[in-house]
Amino acid sequence: KMVIAEEGTIIEKGDFAIIDFAGTVDGQPFSGGEGKGYPLEVGSGSFIPGFEEQLVGLKAGENKDVNVKFPDEYHSEDLKGKESLFKVLFHEVKRKKL
């Protein structure tokens, strides 16, 4: 079962980070680059390579600018190989409890 970790918990691999994110490429928002209250499993590899690793060590309530490069084989022609900036607000940590 998932529980909300206490305030001040530092996010680690395997945790779920509940985040808002807004991505831009060349200063412009792009389709699919925004989410609110998104449960991202850190270390799952479900986001662009390098994104999740930059969340490790954050605490709930913190903001982070995440800089990542879209892979050259990315499915969207417009975004392939592009540098992007994601403004991330990290709401809380959810952690599996045994």
Foldseek 3Di string as FASTA:
>chain_A
DKDWDDFPDFDDQQKWWQKWKFKDFPNHGDPPRTDHRDTDRQPPCPDAPQQSVVRGGDTAQDKDKGWDQHDQPDPDPVRHRTIMIMIMHTHTIMHDDD
